[in-house]
Amino acid sequence: ALSPAGALGVAVPAMESRDASVREAAMKLILALRRELGPALLSSPQLAELKEVVRKQLDSESAAMGDTPNPSPPTRSFRHDAARAPAAAAAATNAAPASLGS
């Protein structure tokens, strides 16, 4: 997994790319990190390297997100995780009476 600092380390230099699609993808990555981590990301020292024009665009698009982090829900769930939870709960309740009797 890539840390937020590592992602910013990739996105900030990509904002200087000559390719518009690379700059757009980098902006989307920075905004996704901002959505997950909150407005404190905008005061990151790594973002201080951005040009003023890019910084203003980032600030204006970020203003629409609000002040609180809004992490997205997990994108995957596994059946075996759902099956383990009831089995673990049943095992815990079955084990409790045996330990009380000793």
PDB file of N, CA and C in Angstrom:
ATOM      1  N   ALA A   1       0.839  -1.181   0.000  1.00  0.00           N
ATOM      2  CA  ALA A   1       0.000   0.000   0.000  1.00  0.00           C
ATOM      3  C   ALA A   1       0.886   1.247   0.000  1.00  0.00           C
ATOM      4  N   LEU A   2       0.394   2.268  -0.592  1.00  0.00           N
ATOM      5  CA  LEU A   2       1.124   3.525  -0.705  1.00  0.00           C
ATOM      6  C   LEU A   2       0.647   4.479   0.379  1.00  0.00           C
ATOM      7  N   SER A   3       1.570   5.060   1.101  1.00  0.00           N
ATOM      8  CA  SER A   3       1.207   5.998   2.162  1.00  0.00           C
ATOM      9  C   SER A   3       0.763   7.329   1.544  1.00  0.00           C
ATOM     10  N   PRO A   4       0.017   8.139   2.285  1.00  0.00           N
ATOM     11  CA  PRO A   4      -0.371   9.457   1.762  1.00  0.00           C
ATOM     12  C   PRO A   4       0.836  10.319   1.400  1.00  0.00           C
ATOM     13  N   ALA A   5       1.894  10.242   2.197  1.00  0.00           N
ATOM     14  CA  ALA A   5       3.096  11.027   1.886  1.00  0.00           C
ATOM     15  C   ALA A   5       3.735  10.534   0.588  1.00  0.00           C
ATOM     16  N   GLY A   6       3.726   9.230   0.386  1.00  0.00           N
ATOM     17  CA  GLY A   6       4.262   8.673  -0.850  1.00  0.00           C
ATOM     18  C   GLY A   6       3.427   9.068  -2.059  1.00  0.00           C
ATOM     19  N   ALA A   7       2.109   9.078  -1.877  1.00  0.00           N
ATOM     20  CA  ALA A   7       1.220   9.485  -2.967  1.00  0.00           C
ATOM     21  C   ALA A   7       1.431  10.951  -3.320  1.00  0.00           C
ATOM     22  N   LEU A   8       1.615  11.785  -2.305  1.00  0.00           N
ATOM     23  CA  LEU A   8       1.893  13.204  -2.576  1.00  0.00           C
ATOM     24  C   LEU A   8       3.254  13.363  -3.248  1.00  0.00           C
ATOM     25  N   GLY A   9       4.197  12.513  -2.869  1.00  0.00           N
ATOM     26  CA  GLY A   9       5.512  12.554  -3.482  1.00  0.00           C
ATOM     27  C   GLY A   9       5.478  12.243  -4.965  1.00  0.00           C
ATOM     28  N   VAL A  10       4.473  11.495  -5.392  1.00  0.00           N
ATOM     29  CA  VAL A  10       4.286  11.188  -6.816  1.00  0.00           C
ATOM     30  C   VAL A  10       3.444  12.266  -7.483  1.00  0.00           C
ATOM     31  N   ALA A  11       2.404  12.721  -6.806  1.00  0.00           N
ATOM     32  CA  ALA A  11       1.445  13.648  -7.417  1.00  0.00           C
ATOM     33  C   ALA A  11       2.007  15.054  -7.614  1.00  0.00           C
ATOM     34  N   VAL A  12       2.773  15.543  -6.665  1.00  0.00           N
ATOM     35  CA  VAL A  12       3.268  16.916  -6.760  1.00  0.00           C
ATOM     36  C   VAL A  12       4.187  17.101  -7.973  1.00  0.00           C
ATOM     37  N   PRO A  13       5.186  16.237  -8.190  1.00  0.00           N
ATOM     38  CA  PRO A  13       5.990  16.395  -9.413  1.00  0.00           C
ATOM     39  C   PRO A  13       5.182  16.173 -10.690  1.00  0.00           C
ATOM     40  N   ALA A  14       4.154  15.331 -10.623  1.00  0.00           N
ATOM     41  CA  ALA A  14       3.322  15.078 -11.803  1.00  0.00           C
ATOM     42  C   ALA A  14       2.533  16.319 -12.205  1.00  0.00           C
ATOM     43  N   MET A  15       2.315  17.239 -11.272  1.00  0.00           N
ATOM     44  CA  MET A  15       1.604  18.475 -11.608  1.00  0.00           C
ATOM     45  C   MET A  15       2.420  19.347 -12.569  1.00  0.00           C
ATOM     46  N   GLU A  16       3.707  19.088 -12.693  1.00  0.00           N
ATOM     47  CA  GLU A  16       4.579  19.842 -13.594  1.00  0.00           C
ATOM     48  C   GLU A  16       4.689  19.192 -14.972  1.00  0.00           C
ATOM     49  N   SER A  17       3.990  18.093 -15.182  1.00  0.00           N
ATOM     50  CA  SER A  17       4.082  17.364 -16.445  1.00  0.00           C
ATOM     51  C   SER A  17       3.543  18.188 -17.617  1.00  0.00           C
ATOM     52  N   ARG A  18       4.103  17.918 -18.793  1.00  0.00           N
ATOM     53  CA  ARG A  18       3.599  18.595 -19.999  1.00  0.00           C
ATOM     54  C   ARG A  18       2.283  17.982 -20.470  1.00  0.00           C
ATOM     55  N   ASP A  19       2.011  16.751 -20.044  1.00  0.00           N
ATOM     56  CA  ASP A  19       0.806  16.037 -20.468  1.00  0.00           C
ATOM     57  C   ASP A  19      -0.376  16.442 -19.572  1.00  0.00           C
ATOM     58  N   ALA A  20      -1.421  16.969 -20.184  1.00  0.00           N
ATOM     59  CA  ALA A  20      -2.587  17.448 -19.431  1.00  0.00           C
ATOM     60  C   ALA A  20      -3.283  16.314 -18.685  1.00  0.00           C
ATOM     61  N   SER A  21      -3.309  15.113 -19.263  1.00  0.00           N
ATOM     62  CA  SER A  21      -3.978  13.999 -18.585  1.00  0.00           C
ATOM     63  C   SER A  21      -3.223  13.585 -17.319  1.00  0.00           C
ATOM     64  N   VAL A  22      -1.896  13.727 -17.331  1.00  0.00           N
ATOM     65  CA  VAL A  22      -1.104  13.420 -16.138  1.00  0.00           C
ATOM     66  C   VAL A  22      -1.388  14.454 -15.051  1.00  0.00           C
ATOM     67  N   ARG A  23      -1.439  15.713 -15.429  1.00  0.00           N
ATOM     68  CA  ARG A  23      -1.751  16.766 -14.452  1.00  0.00           C
ATOM     69  C   ARG A  23      -3.152  16.574 -13.870  1.00  0.00           C
ATOM     70  N   GLU A  24      -4.098  16.200 -14.718  1.00  0.00           N
ATOM     71  CA  GLU A  24      -5.474  15.978 -14.247  1.00  0.00           C
ATOM     72  C   GLU A  24      -5.532  14.798 -13.279  1.00  0.00           C
ATOM     73  N   ALA A  25      -4.827  13.724 -13.597  1.00  0.00           N
ATOM     74  CA  ALA A  25      -4.801  12.560 -12.705  1.00  0.00           C
ATOM     75  C   ALA A  25      -4.139  12.900 -11.374  1.00  0.00           C
ATOM     76  N   ALA A  26      -3.076  13.700 -11.422  1.00  0.00           N
ATOM     77  CA  ALA A  26      -2.408  14.116 -10.186  1.00  0.00           C
ATOM     78  C   ALA A  26      -3.344  14.977  -9.335  1.00  0.00           C
ATOM     79  N   MET A  27      -4.093  15.868  -9.972  1.00  0.00           N
ATOM     80  CA  MET A  27      -5.046  16.710  -9.242  1.00  0.00           C
ATOM     81  C   MET A  27      -6.125  15.831  -8.594  1.00  0.00           C
ATOM     82  N   LYS A  28      -6.622  14.836  -9.327  1.00  0.00           N
ATOM     83  CA  LYS A  28      -7.633  13.929  -8.770  1.00  0.00           C
ATOM     84  C   LYS A  28      -7.076  13.164  -7.569  1.00  0.00           C
ATOM     85  N   LEU A  29      -5.807  12.745  -7.665  1.00  0.00           N
ATOM     86  CA  LEU A  29      -5.181  12.026  -6.559  1.00  0.00           C
ATOM     87  C   LEU A  29      -5.060  12.924  -5.331  1.00  0.00           C
ATOM     88  N   ILE A  30      -4.620  14.138  -5.516  1.00  0.00           N
ATOM     89  CA  ILE A  30      -4.490  15.067  -4.390  1.00  0.00           C
ATOM     90  C   ILE A  30      -5.857  15.363  -3.779  1.00  0.00           C
ATOM     91  N   LEU A  31      -6.873  15.542  -4.606  1.00  0.00           N
ATOM     92  CA  LEU A  31      -8.220  15.810  -4.087  1.00  0.00           C
ATOM     93  C   LEU A  31      -8.793  14.587  -3.373  1.00  0.00           C
ATOM     94  N   ALA A  32      -8.479  13.387  -3.851  1.00  0.00           N
ATOM     95  CA  ALA A  32      -8.936  12.176  -3.166  1.00  0.00           C
ATOM     96  C   ALA A  32      -8.273  12.051  -1.796  1.00  0.00           C
ATOM     97  N   LEU A  33      -6.983  12.373  -1.734  1.00  0.00           N
ATOM     98  CA  LEU A  33      -6.302  12.370  -0.445  1.00  0.00           C
ATOM     99  C   LEU A  33      -6.894  13.423   0.487  1.00  0.00           C
ATOM    100  N   ARG A  34      -7.219  14.575  -0.055  1.00  0.00           N
ATOM    101  CA  ARG A  34      -7.823  15.645   0.733  1.00  0.00           C
ATOM    102  C   ARG A  34      -9.184  15.217   1.283  1.00  0.00           C
ATOM    103  N   ARG A  35      -9.961  14.498   0.462  1.00  0.00           N
ATOM    104  CA  ARG A  35     -11.272  14.013   0.897  1.00  0.00           C
ATOM    105  C   ARG A  35     -11.114  13.012   2.045  1.00  0.00           C
ATOM    106  N   GLU A  36     -10.110  12.152   1.954  1.00  0.00           N
ATOM    107  CA  GLU A  36      -9.904  11.120   2.960  1.00  0.00           C
ATOM    108  C   GLU A  36      -9.287  11.670   4.251  1.00  0.00           C
ATOM    109  N   LEU A  37      -8.352  12.607   4.121  1.00  0.00           N
ATOM    110  CA  LEU A  37      -7.582  13.069   5.274  1.00  0.00           C
ATOM    111  C   LEU A  37      -8.063  14.383   5.862  1.00  0.00           C
ATOM    112  N   GLY A  38      -8.823  15.150   5.106  1.00  0.00           N
ATOM    113  CA  GLY A  38      -9.326  16.415   5.608  1.00  0.00           C
ATOM    114  C   GLY A  38      -8.499  17.598   5.136  1.00  0.00           C
ATOM    115  N   PRO A  39      -8.916  18.802   5.533  1.00  0.00           N
ATOM    116  CA  PRO A  39      -8.278  20.032   5.042  1.00  0.00           C
ATOM    117  C   PRO A  39      -6.849  20.226   5.524  1.00  0.00           C
ATOM    118  N   ALA A  40      -6.414  19.500   6.531  1.00  0.00           N
ATOM    119  CA  ALA A  40      -5.036  19.636   7.009  1.00  0.00           C
ATOM    120  C   ALA A  40      -4.032  19.255   5.928  1.00  0.00           C
ATOM    121  N   LEU A  41      -4.454  18.453   4.982  1.00  0.00           N
ATOM    122  CA  LEU A  41      -3.560  18.059   3.890  1.00  0.00           C
ATOM    123  C   LEU A  41      -3.092  19.273   3.098  1.00  0.00           C
ATOM    124  N   LEU A  42      -3.933  20.288   2.985  1.00  0.00           N
ATOM    125  CA  LEU A  42      -3.588  21.466   2.181  1.00  0.00           C
ATOM    126  C   LEU A  42      -2.446  22.266   2.781  1.00  0.00           C
ATOM    127  N   SER A  43      -2.164  22.079   4.056  1.00  0.00           N
ATOM    128  CA  SER A  43      -1.043  22.786   4.674  1.00  0.00           C
ATOM    129  C   SER A  43       0.224  21.929   4.699  1.00  0.00           C
ATOM    130  N   SER A  44       0.205  20.829   3.966  1.00  0.00           N
ATOM    131  CA  SER A  44       1.359  19.943   3.892  1.00  0.00           C
ATOM    132  C   SER A  44       2.544  20.661   3.254  1.00  0.00           C
ATOM    133  N   PRO A  45       3.747  20.475   3.789  1.00  0.00           N
ATOM    134  CA  PRO A  45       4.927  21.111   3.201  1.00  0.00           C
ATOM    135  C   PRO A  45       5.189  20.656   1.761  1.00  0.00           C
ATOM    136  N   GLN A  46       4.761  19.439   1.430  1.00  0.00           N
ATOM    137  CA  GLN A  46       4.955  18.947   0.066  1.00  0.00           C
ATOM    138  C   GLN A  46       4.149  19.756  -0.944  1.00  0.00           C
ATOM    139  N   LEU A  47       2.990  20.265  -0.531  1.00  0.00           N
ATOM    140  CA  LEU A  47       2.156  21.040  -1.443  1.00  0.00           C
ATOM    141  C   LEU A  47       2.648  22.474  -1.600  1.00  0.00           C
ATOM    142  N   ALA A  48       3.588  22.887  -0.756  1.00  0.00           N
ATOM    143  CA  ALA A  48       4.132  24.237  -0.871  1.00  0.00           C
ATOM    144  C   ALA A  48       4.922  24.413  -2.165  1.00  0.00           C
ATOM    145  N   GLU A  49       5.349  23.296  -2.762  1.00  0.00           N
ATOM    146  CA  GLU A  49       6.125  23.336  -3.999  1.00  0.00           C
ATOM    147  C   GLU A  49       5.267  23.638  -5.233  1.00  0.00           C
ATOM    148  N   LEU A  50       3.942  23.571  -5.097  1.00  0.00           N
ATOM    149  CA  LEU A  50       3.064  23.784  -6.249  1.00  0.00           C
ATOM    150  C   LEU A  50       3.078  25.240  -6.700  1.00  0.00           C
ATOM    151  N   LYS A  51       2.871  25.425  -7.984  1.00  0.00           N
ATOM    152  CA  LYS A  51       2.752  26.787  -8.525  1.00  0.00           C
ATOM    153  C   LYS A  51       1.501  27.447  -7.958  1.00  0.00           C
ATOM    154  N   GLU A  52       1.499  28.761  -7.934  1.00  0.00           N
ATOM    155  CA  GLU A  52       0.383  29.522  -7.370  1.00  0.00           C
ATOM    156  C   GLU A  52      -0.931  29.225  -8.091  1.00  0.00           C
ATOM    157  N   VAL A  53      -0.888  29.104  -9.407  1.00  0.00           N
ATOM    158  CA  VAL A  53      -2.103  28.832 -10.186  1.00  0.00           C
ATOM    159  C   VAL A  53      -2.688  27.466  -9.812  1.00  0.00           C
ATOM    160  N   VAL A  54      -1.825  26.478  -9.694  1.00  0.00           N
ATOM    161  CA  VAL A  54      -2.267  25.128  -9.327  1.00  0.00           C
ATOM    162  C   VAL A  54      -2.793  25.133  -7.901  1.00  0.00           C
ATOM    163  N   ARG A  55      -2.131  25.865  -7.047  1.00  0.00           N
ATOM    164  CA  ARG A  55      -2.544  25.951  -5.646  1.00  0.00           C
ATOM    165  C   ARG A  55      -3.939  26.576  -5.516  1.00  0.00           C
ATOM    166  N   LYS A  56      -4.201  27.619  -6.294  1.00  0.00           N
ATOM    167  CA  LYS A  56      -5.525  28.255  -6.271  1.00  0.00           C
ATOM    168  C   LYS A  56      -6.597  27.300  -6.784  1.00  0.00           C
ATOM    169  N   GLN A  57      -6.286  26.546  -7.837  1.00  0.00           N
ATOM    170  CA  GLN A  57      -7.241  25.573  -8.365  1.00  0.00           C
ATOM    171  C   GLN A  57      -7.522  24.503  -7.312  1.00  0.00           C
ATOM    172  N   LEU A  58      -6.493  24.032  -6.650  1.00  0.00           N
ATOM    173  CA  LEU A  58      -6.645  23.028  -5.601  1.00  0.00           C
ATOM    174  C   LEU A  58      -7.490  23.574  -4.449  1.00  0.00           C
ATOM    175  N   ASP A  59      -7.238  24.803  -4.053  1.00  0.00           N
ATOM    176  CA  ASP A  59      -8.015  25.415  -2.970  1.00  0.00           C
ATOM    177  C   ASP A  59      -9.481  25.583  -3.348  1.00  0.00           C
ATOM    178  N   SER A  60      -9.748  26.008  -4.590  1.00  0.00           N
ATOM    179  CA  SER A  60     -11.137  26.226  -4.997  1.00  0.00           C
ATOM    180  C   SER A  60     -11.897  24.901  -5.101  1.00  0.00           C
ATOM    181  N   GLU A  61     -11.257  23.868  -5.630  1.00  0.00           N
ATOM    182  CA  GLU A  61     -11.937  22.568  -5.725  1.00  0.00           C
ATOM    183  C   GLU A  61     -12.077  21.919  -4.358  1.00  0.00           C
ATOM    184  N   SER A  62     -11.157  22.204  -3.481  1.00  0.00           N
ATOM    185  CA  SER A  62     -11.195  21.641  -2.144  1.00  0.00           C
ATOM    186  C   SER A  62     -12.250  22.319  -1.271  1.00  0.00           C
ATOM    187  N   ALA A  63     -12.538  23.578  -1.539  1.00  0.00           N
ATOM    188  CA  ALA A  63     -13.504  24.322  -0.728  1.00  0.00           C
ATOM    189  C   ALA A  63     -14.894  23.693  -0.781  1.00  0.00           C
ATOM    190  N   ALA A  64     -15.214  23.061  -1.890  1.00  0.00           N
ATOM    191  CA  ALA A  64     -16.534  22.440  -2.036  1.00  0.00           C
ATOM    192  C   ALA A  64     -16.675  21.165  -1.206  1.00  0.00           C
ATOM    193  N   MET A  65     -15.577  20.644  -0.690  1.00  0.00           N
ATOM    194  CA  MET A  65     -15.620  19.376   0.042  1.00  0.00           C
ATOM    195  C   MET A  65     -16.027  19.519   1.497  1.00  0.00           C
ATOM    196  N   GLY A  66     -15.936  20.696   2.051  1.00  0.00           N
ATOM    197  CA  GLY A  66     -16.252  20.871   3.466  1.00  0.00           C
ATOM    198  C   GLY A  66     -15.007  20.735   4.317  1.00  0.00           C
ATOM    199  N   ASP A  67     -15.190  20.861   5.625  1.00  0.00           N
ATOM    200  CA  ASP A  67     -14.048  20.886   6.534  1.00  0.00           C
ATOM    201  C   ASP A  67     -13.733  19.558   7.204  1.00  0.00           C
ATOM    202  N   THR A  68     -14.630  18.594   7.128  1.00  0.00           N
ATOM    203  CA  THR A  68     -14.371  17.330   7.807  1.00  0.00           C
ATOM    204  C   THR A  68     -13.948  16.265   6.801  1.00  0.00           C
ATOM    205  N   PRO A  69     -13.075  15.353   7.221  1.00  0.00           N
ATOM    206  CA  PRO A  69     -12.710  14.248   6.330  1.00  0.00           C
ATOM    207  C   PRO A  69     -13.940  13.410   6.014  1.00  0.00           C
ATOM    208  N   ASN A  70     -13.996  12.881   4.831  1.00  0.00           N
ATOM    209  CA  ASN A  70     -15.123  12.068   4.409  1.00  0.00           C
ATOM    210  C   ASN A  70     -14.586  10.788   3.781  1.00  0.00           C
ATOM    211  N   PRO A  71     -14.042   9.881   4.600  1.00  0.00           N
ATOM    212  CA  PRO A  71     -13.478   8.666   4.025  1.00  0.00           C
ATOM    213  C   PRO A  71     -14.541   7.833   3.332  1.00  0.00           C
ATOM    214  N   SER A  72     -14.183   7.270   2.221  1.00  0.00           N
ATOM    215  CA  SER A  72     -15.119   6.423   1.502  1.00  0.00           C
ATOM    216  C   SER A  72     -15.174   5.057   2.163  1.00  0.00           C
ATOM    217  N   PRO A  73     -16.309   4.366   2.055  1.00  0.00           N
ATOM    218  CA  PRO A  73     -16.438   3.049   2.675  1.00  0.00           C
ATOM    219  C   PRO A  73     -15.538   2.041   1.963  1.00  0.00           C
ATOM    220  N   PRO A  74     -15.239   0.932   2.614  1.00  0.00           N
ATOM    221  CA  PRO A  74     -14.429  -0.097   1.959  1.00  0.00           C
ATOM    222  C   PRO A  74     -15.066  -0.537   0.649  1.00  0.00           C
ATOM    223  N   THR A  75     -14.243  -0.833  -0.316  1.00  0.00           N
ATOM    224  CA  THR A  75     -14.771  -1.210  -1.621  1.00  0.00           C
ATOM    225  C   THR A  75     -14.935  -2.710  -1.782  1.00  0.00           C
ATOM    226  N   ARG A  76     -14.390  -3.476  -0.843  1.00  0.00           N
ATOM    227  CA  ARG A  76     -14.508  -4.929  -0.943  1.00  0.00           C
ATOM    228  C   ARG A  76     -14.896  -5.504   0.405  1.00  0.00           C
ATOM    229  N   SER A  77     -15.647  -6.574   0.338  1.00  0.00           N
ATOM    230  CA  SER A  77     -15.904  -7.378   1.527  1.00  0.00           C
ATOM    231  C   SER A  77     -15.830  -8.832   1.090  1.00  0.00           C
ATOM    232  N   PHE A  78     -15.504  -9.674   2.008  1.00  0.00           N
ATOM    233  CA  PHE A  78     -15.310 -11.076   1.680  1.00  0.00           C
ATOM    234  C   PHE A  78     -16.300 -11.918   2.460  1.00  0.00           C
ATOM    235  N   ARG A  79     -16.819 -12.947   1.809  1.00  0.00           N
ATOM    236  CA  ARG A  79     -17.801 -13.809   2.455  1.00  0.00           C
ATOM    237  C   ARG A  79     -17.216 -14.510   3.671  1.00  0.00           C
ATOM    238  N   HIS A  80     -15.951 -14.922   3.582  1.00  0.00           N
ATOM    239  CA  HIS A  80     -15.376 -15.644   4.709  1.00  0.00           C
ATOM    240  C   HIS A  80     -15.264 -14.753   5.952  1.00  0.00           C
ATOM    241  N   ASP A  81     -15.116 -13.447   5.793  1.00  0.00           N
ATOM    242  CA  ASP A  81     -15.102 -12.544   6.944  1.00  0.00           C
ATOM    243  C   ASP A  81     -16.476 -12.490   7.591  1.00  0.00           C
ATOM    244  N   ALA A  82     -17.521 -12.447   6.776  1.00  0.00           N
ATOM    245  CA  ALA A  82     -18.878 -12.397   7.306  1.00  0.00           C
ATOM    246  C   ALA A  82     -19.244 -13.716   7.990  1.00  0.00           C
ATOM    247  N   ALA A  83     -18.728 -14.822   7.473  1.00  0.00           N
ATOM    248  CA  ALA A  83     -19.032 -16.124   8.060  1.00  0.00           C
ATOM    249  C   ALA A  83     -18.289 -16.323   9.382  1.00  0.00           C
ATOM    250  N   ARG A  84     -17.129 -15.727   9.523  1.00  0.00           N
ATOM    251  CA  ARG A  84     -16.343 -15.892  10.753  1.00  0.00           C
ATOM    252  C   ARG A  84     -16.969 -15.168  11.940  1.00  0.00           C
ATOM    253  N   ALA A  85     -17.565 -14.038  11.724  1.00  0.00           N
ATOM    254  CA  ALA A  85     -18.100 -13.243  12.834  1.00  0.00           C
ATOM    255  C   ALA A  85     -19.168 -13.996  13.627  1.00  0.00           C
ATOM    256  N   PRO A  86     -20.211 -14.570  12.984  1.00  0.00           N
ATOM    257  CA  PRO A  86     -21.199 -15.320  13.775  1.00  0.00           C
ATOM    258  C   PRO A  86     -20.598 -16.566  14.419  1.00  0.00           C
ATOM    259  N   ALA A  87     -19.676 -17.233  13.728  1.00  0.00           N
ATOM    260  CA  ALA A  87     -19.061 -18.437  14.294  1.00  0.00           C
ATOM    261  C   ALA A  87     -18.231 -18.087  15.522  1.00  0.00           C
ATOM    262  N   ALA A  88     -17.514 -16.973  15.470  1.00  0.00           N
ATOM    263  CA  ALA A  88     -16.709 -16.541  16.619  1.00  0.00           C
ATOM    264  C   ALA A  88     -17.610 -16.148  17.785  1.00  0.00           C
ATOM    265  N   ALA A  89     -18.726 -15.492  17.503  1.00  0.00           N
ATOM    266  CA  ALA A  89     -19.658 -15.099  18.556  1.00  0.00           C
ATOM    267  C   ALA A  89     -20.279 -16.334  19.204  1.00  0.00           C
ATOM    268  N   ALA A  90     -20.627 -17.326  18.392  1.00  0.00           N
ATOM    269  CA  ALA A  90     -21.209 -18.560  18.921  1.00  0.00           C
ATOM    270  C   ALA A  90     -20.196 -19.306  19.773  1.00  0.00           C
ATOM    271  N   ALA A  91     -18.964 -19.341  19.340  1.00  0.00           N
ATOM    272  CA  ALA A  91     -17.921 -20.019  20.101  1.00  0.00           C
ATOM    273  C   ALA A  91     -17.696 -19.321  21.437  1.00  0.00           C
ATOM    274  N   ALA A  92     -17.775 -18.030  21.452  1.00  0.00           N
ATOM    275  CA  ALA A  92     -17.574 -17.259  22.689  1.00  0.00           C
ATOM    276  C   ALA A  92     -18.707 -17.518  23.676  1.00  0.00           C
ATOM    277  N   THR A  93     -19.947 -17.596  23.199  1.00  0.00           N
ATOM    278  CA  THR A  93     -21.076 -17.839  24.113  1.00  0.00           C
ATOM    279  C   THR A  93     -21.084 -19.287  24.579  1.00  0.00           C
ATOM    280  N   ASN A  94     -20.645 -20.236  23.750  1.00  0.00           N
ATOM    281  CA  ASN A  94     -20.586 -21.637  24.167  1.00  0.00           C
ATOM    282  C   ASN A  94     -19.453 -21.863  25.167  1.00  0.00           C
ATOM    283  N   ALA A  95     -18.373 -21.116  25.044  1.00  0.00           N
ATOM    284  CA  ALA A  95     -17.239 -21.272  25.929  1.00  0.00           C
ATOM    285  C   ALA A  95     -17.493 -20.625  27.287  1.00  0.00           C
ATOM    286  N   ALA A  96     -18.321 -19.607  27.339  1.00  0.00           N
ATOM    287  CA  ALA A  96     -18.570 -18.874  28.581  1.00  0.00           C
ATOM    288  C   ALA A  96     -19.192 -19.758  29.671  1.00  0.00           C
ATOM    289  N   PRO A  97     -20.255 -20.530  29.402  1.00  0.00           N
ATOM    290  CA  PRO A  97     -20.837 -21.342  30.468  1.00  0.00           C
ATOM    291  C   PRO A  97     -19.877 -22.407  30.978  1.00  0.00           C
ATOM    292  N   ALA A  98     -19.033 -22.966  30.118  1.00  0.00           N
ATOM    293  CA  ALA A  98     -18.098 -24.004  30.552  1.00  0.00           C
ATOM    294  C   ALA A  98     -17.089 -23.412  31.518  1.00  0.00           C
ATOM    295  N   SER A  99     -16.651 -22.206  31.267  1.00  0.00           N
ATOM    296  CA  SER A  99     -15.644 -21.610  32.148  1.00  0.00           C
ATOM    297  C   SER A  99     -16.274 -21.154  33.464  1.00  0.00           C
ATOM    298  N   LEU A 100     -17.572 -20.853  33.473  1.00  0.00           N
ATOM    299  CA  LEU A 100     -18.227 -20.416  34.706  1.00  0.00           C
ATOM    300  C   LEU A 100     -18.422 -21.581  35.666  1.00  0.00           C
ATOM    301  N   GLY A 101     -18.602 -22.767  35.122  1.00  0.00           N
ATOM    302  CA  GLY A 101     -18.857 -23.929  35.956  1.00  0.00           C
ATOM    303  C   GLY A 101     -17.602 -24.464  36.635  1.00  0.00           C
ATOM    304  N   SER A 102     -16.409 -24.084  36.211  1.00  0.00           N
ATOM    305  CA  SER A 102     -15.213 -24.648  36.816  1.00  0.00           C
ATOM    306  C   SER A 102     -14.790 -23.953  38.052  1.00  0.00           C
TER     307      SER A 102
END
